[in-house]
Every structure is written in structure tokens, then in C-alpha cells.
């Protein structure tokens, strides 16, 4: 836990919870799309939705999640009947991280090749992931759709 807190000082005293062990097979972008078998990134060596521009831009990430029914929304507040994701970005606007909102209103993140954690949205804001830049939502489906 101390290693995570040194990477993300906002986690100190936040009550975050580690929810899975380290795993090199998937990352935060995949986790937000509920895919824990593929590493997603818009480069040629990673999984990325077919037909979506392979570029490190908020627009490309919005388009990628749009393939799964997500649309832009105003912010992170919990909305009944919806699931949300938050895209973090560096000061230059390049996406750095994606978190998925839980039904409790807390957030779930896969930290690169490290663990999955449950946390507050602001806990990961800082020099590594930047700030929350864009929010998306879609209607919550039960059971969740099976990912390709």
C-alpha cells in the first residue's frame, strides 16, 4: 500500500481499498470498458476499437468509449441508472488514466500494471495522472454486456 501512496499522494489517508492483485494483462483503459483480458491503448501494439483513430487525444478516447454506448456528460456526480467513466489528462491534454464509477459513487481504477483500487475521484489527481478532463456516461445495463 505504501508504494501506491508514494505514487499517488492523494491516496494517503483516503480510505482507498485494493480490490485485486497486480496484473500485466490489462490496464485502466480496458478496465473502464470492463475488459480485464486486453491492454488498451491507441498504439499499433495494443487493443483498440476498430475504426477509432489511434491517437492519444481526448477525442479518440471519447470515440473509443462511444463504441460501447458512452456519451459525454457534465461531471462525476452519481446519477441513478447510469454508469460513468472519468478520463484523466496531463496538462498538455494527453489522456493518462481512466476510472470507472461504482454504484456506490466511489471509483474503480486499474493502476497500470499494478492493482485495481476503489477510491475517490480526486485521490489520483496529481503529477502522474494529471486532472479529470472529461466524463462519459451510459445507461446501466443488467447484466452488463459481454465485452468483445
Foldseek 3Di string as FASTA:
>chain_A
DVVVCVLQVLCVVFPKFFDFFFAQQDFQLCVQVVHPHFHDALDPVGDFDPPQHSDQAPVSSQVRCVVVVKDFDDDQADDPQKKKKWFFAAPVHGTQGMWTADNVSWIWGGHNRGTIMTGHQCRRDDDRGHHGDTMIMGGQDVPDDDDD
